[in-house]
Amino acid sequence: MVYAFIQDVPIDDAMYWRIVDNIGPEPLEGQLIHLCIRRPDGGLRYVDVWESAELCRRAFDRRIHLAVDAAFGGRRPDTEPRTERLEVLHASGSAVRQTI
């Protein structure tokens, strides 16, 4: 089942690009789309769509949290930004292998 969420993160563009560089060019298994949008207050908003919640969790455990830790100099902030789960009614497009 497709898993999607929005997450507002209190970082700037420079920190975002450090994280992206640390993740590397290899695609994250199960990630269908990742959008990074600048909010009016200067923070960033992520909109992510994954093939499943399990593949998302695995990517965070194996790659994303390591990349964030490195970008913050070895340790990410103690608290995770709030994640708002999205109820996906339909997903289609070249990145989506299935529709719901």
C-alpha atoms as a PDB file:
ATOM      1  CA  MET A   1       0.000   0.000   0.000  1.00  0.00           C
ATOM      2  CA  VAL A   2       1.306   3.456  -0.924  1.00  0.00           C
ATOM      3  CA  TYR A   3       2.554   5.466   2.054  1.00  0.00           C
ATOM      4  CA  ALA A   4       2.742   9.273   1.881  1.00  0.00           C
ATOM      5  CA  PHE A   5       3.492  12.083   4.293  1.00  0.00           C
ATOM      6  CA  ILE A   6       4.263  15.775   4.701  1.00  0.00           C
ATOM      7  CA  GLN A   7       7.003  16.906   7.047  1.00  0.00           C
ATOM      8  CA  ASP A   8       7.990  20.499   7.864  1.00  0.00           C
ATOM      9  CA  VAL A   9      11.684  20.758   8.698  1.00  0.00           C
ATOM     10  CA  PRO A  10      13.376  23.767  10.313  1.00  0.00           C
ATOM     11  CA  ILE A  11      16.454  23.772   8.072  1.00  0.00           C
ATOM     12  CA  ASP A  12      17.775  26.002   5.307  1.00  0.00           C
ATOM     13  CA  ASP A  13      18.730  25.188   1.724  1.00  0.00           C
ATOM     14  CA  ALA A  14      22.407  24.638   2.580  1.00  0.00           C
ATOM     15  CA  MET A  15      21.603  22.010   5.212  1.00  0.00           C
ATOM     16  CA  TYR A  16      19.143  20.318   2.863  1.00  0.00           C
ATOM     17  CA  TRP A  17      21.794  19.988   0.136  1.00  0.00           C
ATOM     18  CA  ARG A  18      24.313  18.600   2.645  1.00  0.00           C
ATOM     19  CA  ILE A  19      21.787  15.915   3.567  1.00  0.00           C
ATOM     20  CA  VAL A  20      21.075  15.132  -0.103  1.00  0.00           C
ATOM     21  CA  ASP A  21      24.813  14.891  -0.832  1.00  0.00           C
ATOM     22  CA  ASN A  22      25.252  12.542   2.147  1.00  0.00           C
ATOM     23  CA  ILE A  23      22.420  10.284   0.955  1.00  0.00           C
ATOM     24  CA  GLY A  24      24.193   9.976  -2.368  1.00  0.00           C
ATOM     25  CA  PRO A  25      22.991   9.389  -5.913  1.00  0.00           C
ATOM     26  CA  GLU A  26      21.772   5.806  -5.462  1.00  0.00           C
ATOM     27  CA  PRO A  27      17.927   5.769  -5.455  1.00  0.00           C
ATOM     28  CA  LEU A  28      16.216   4.961  -2.174  1.00  0.00           C
ATOM     29  CA  GLU A  29      14.417   1.639  -2.481  1.00  0.00           C
ATOM     30  CA  GLY A  30      10.671   2.158  -2.533  1.00  0.00           C
ATOM     31  CA  GLN A  31      10.704   5.948  -2.809  1.00  0.00           C
ATOM     32  CA  LEU A  32       8.301   7.026  -5.533  1.00  0.00           C
ATOM     33  CA  ILE A  33       8.665  10.787  -5.161  1.00  0.00           C
ATOM     34  CA  HIS A  34      10.309  13.325  -2.872  1.00  0.00           C
ATOM     35  CA  LEU A  35       9.467  17.009  -3.142  1.00  0.00           C
ATOM     36  CA  CYS A  36      11.252  19.679  -1.133  1.00  0.00           C
ATOM     37  CA  ILE A  37       9.290  22.924  -1.031  1.00  0.00           C
ATOM     38  CA  ARG A  38      10.334  26.234   0.549  1.00  0.00           C
ATOM     39  CA  ARG A  39       7.749  27.505   3.038  1.00  0.00           C
ATOM     40  CA  PRO A  40       6.979  31.240   3.369  1.00  0.00           C
ATOM     41  CA  ASP A  41       8.661  31.278   6.819  1.00  0.00           C
ATOM     42  CA  GLY A  42      11.935  30.069   5.293  1.00  0.00           C
ATOM     43  CA  GLY A  43      11.774  26.464   6.481  1.00  0.00           C
ATOM     44  CA  LEU A  44      11.311  23.540   4.149  1.00  0.00           C
ATOM     45  CA  ARG A  45       8.465  21.090   3.614  1.00  0.00           C
ATOM     46  CA  TYR A  46       8.947  17.552   2.381  1.00  0.00           C
ATOM     47  CA  VAL A  47       6.234  15.700   0.504  1.00  0.00           C
ATOM     48  CA  ASP A  48       7.159  12.028   0.183  1.00  0.00           C
ATOM     49  CA  VAL A  49       5.444   9.080  -1.452  1.00  0.00           C
ATOM     50  CA  TRP A  50       6.720   5.541  -0.882  1.00  0.00           C
ATOM     51  CA  GLU A  51       5.682   2.112  -2.089  1.00  0.00           C
ATOM     52  CA  SER A  52       5.069   1.150   1.552  1.00  0.00           C
ATOM     53  CA  ALA A  53       5.591   2.337   5.122  1.00  0.00           C
ATOM     54  CA  GLU A  54       8.073  -0.517   5.627  1.00  0.00           C
ATOM     55  CA  LEU A  55      10.314   0.586   2.747  1.00  0.00           C
ATOM     56  CA  CYS A  56      10.166   4.159   4.049  1.00  0.00           C
ATOM     57  CA  ARG A  57      11.174   3.065   7.545  1.00  0.00           C
ATOM     58  CA  ARG A  58      13.994   0.953   6.159  1.00  0.00           C
ATOM     59  CA  ALA A  59      15.337   3.875   4.091  1.00  0.00           C
ATOM     60  CA  PHE A  60      15.296   6.132   7.156  1.00  0.00           C
ATOM     61  CA  ASP A  61      17.041   3.498   9.283  1.00  0.00           C
ATOM     62  CA  ARG A  62      19.681   2.578   6.707  1.00  0.00           C
ATOM     63  CA  ARG A  63      20.421   5.799   4.845  1.00  0.00           C
ATOM     64  CA  ILE A  64      18.448   8.942   5.622  1.00  0.00           C
ATOM     65  CA  HIS A  65      19.143   9.203   9.368  1.00  0.00           C
ATOM     66  CA  LEU A  66      22.846   8.489   8.739  1.00  0.00           C
ATOM     67  CA  ALA A  67      22.931  11.289   6.161  1.00  0.00           C
ATOM     68  CA  VAL A  68      21.169  13.717   8.513  1.00  0.00           C
ATOM     69  CA  ASP A  69      23.526  12.773  11.362  1.00  0.00           C
ATOM     70  CA  ALA A  70      26.532  13.510   9.164  1.00  0.00           C
ATOM     71  CA  ALA A  71      25.083  16.829   7.956  1.00  0.00           C
ATOM     72  CA  PHE A  72      24.614  17.928  11.581  1.00  0.00           C
ATOM     73  CA  GLY A  73      28.210  17.054  12.404  1.00  0.00           C
ATOM     74  CA  GLY A  74      27.640  13.598  13.802  1.00  0.00           C
ATOM     75  CA  ARG A  75      24.312  13.827  15.568  1.00  0.00           C
ATOM     76  CA  ARG A  76      20.938  14.971  14.339  1.00  0.00           C
ATOM     77  CA  PRO A  77      18.597  16.926  16.631  1.00  0.00           C
ATOM     78  CA  ASP A  78      17.017  14.938  19.462  1.00  0.00           C
ATOM     79  CA  THR A  79      13.483  15.288  18.131  1.00  0.00           C
ATOM     80  CA  GLU A  80      12.081  14.379  14.736  1.00  0.00           C
ATOM     81  CA  PRO A  81       9.978  16.961  12.911  1.00  0.00           C
ATOM     82  CA  ARG A  82       6.272  16.218  13.087  1.00  0.00           C
ATOM     83  CA  THR A  83       5.109  13.987  10.242  1.00  0.00           C
ATOM     84  CA  GLU A  84       1.584  14.280   8.887  1.00  0.00           C
ATOM     85  CA  ARG A  85       0.472  11.101   7.184  1.00  0.00           C
ATOM     86  CA  LEU A  86      -1.534  11.585   4.013  1.00  0.00           C
ATOM     87  CA  GLU A  87      -4.442   9.361   3.046  1.00  0.00           C
ATOM     88  CA  VAL A  88      -3.744   8.557  -0.586  1.00  0.00           C
ATOM     89  CA  LEU A  89      -6.881   7.940  -2.638  1.00  0.00           C
ATOM     90  CA  HIS A  90      -5.081   7.482  -5.945  1.00  0.00           C
ATOM     91  CA  ALA A  91      -1.507   7.546  -7.189  1.00  0.00           C
ATOM     92  CA  SER A  92      -0.406   7.314 -10.800  1.00  0.00           C
ATOM     93  CA  GLY A  93       2.449   8.389 -13.021  1.00  0.00           C
ATOM     94  CA  SER A  94       5.678   6.967 -14.338  1.00  0.00           C
ATOM     95  CA  ALA A  95       7.167   6.490 -10.847  1.00  0.00           C
ATOM     96  CA  VAL A  96       4.106   4.720  -9.482  1.00  0.00           C
ATOM     97  CA  ARG A  97       3.998   1.004 -10.265  1.00  0.00           C
ATOM     98  CA  GLN A  98       0.539   0.524  -8.842  1.00  0.00           C
ATOM     99  CA  THR A  99      -2.630   2.504  -8.316  1.00  0.00           C
ATOM    100  CA  ILE A 100      -4.954   2.308  -5.386  1.00  0.00           C
END
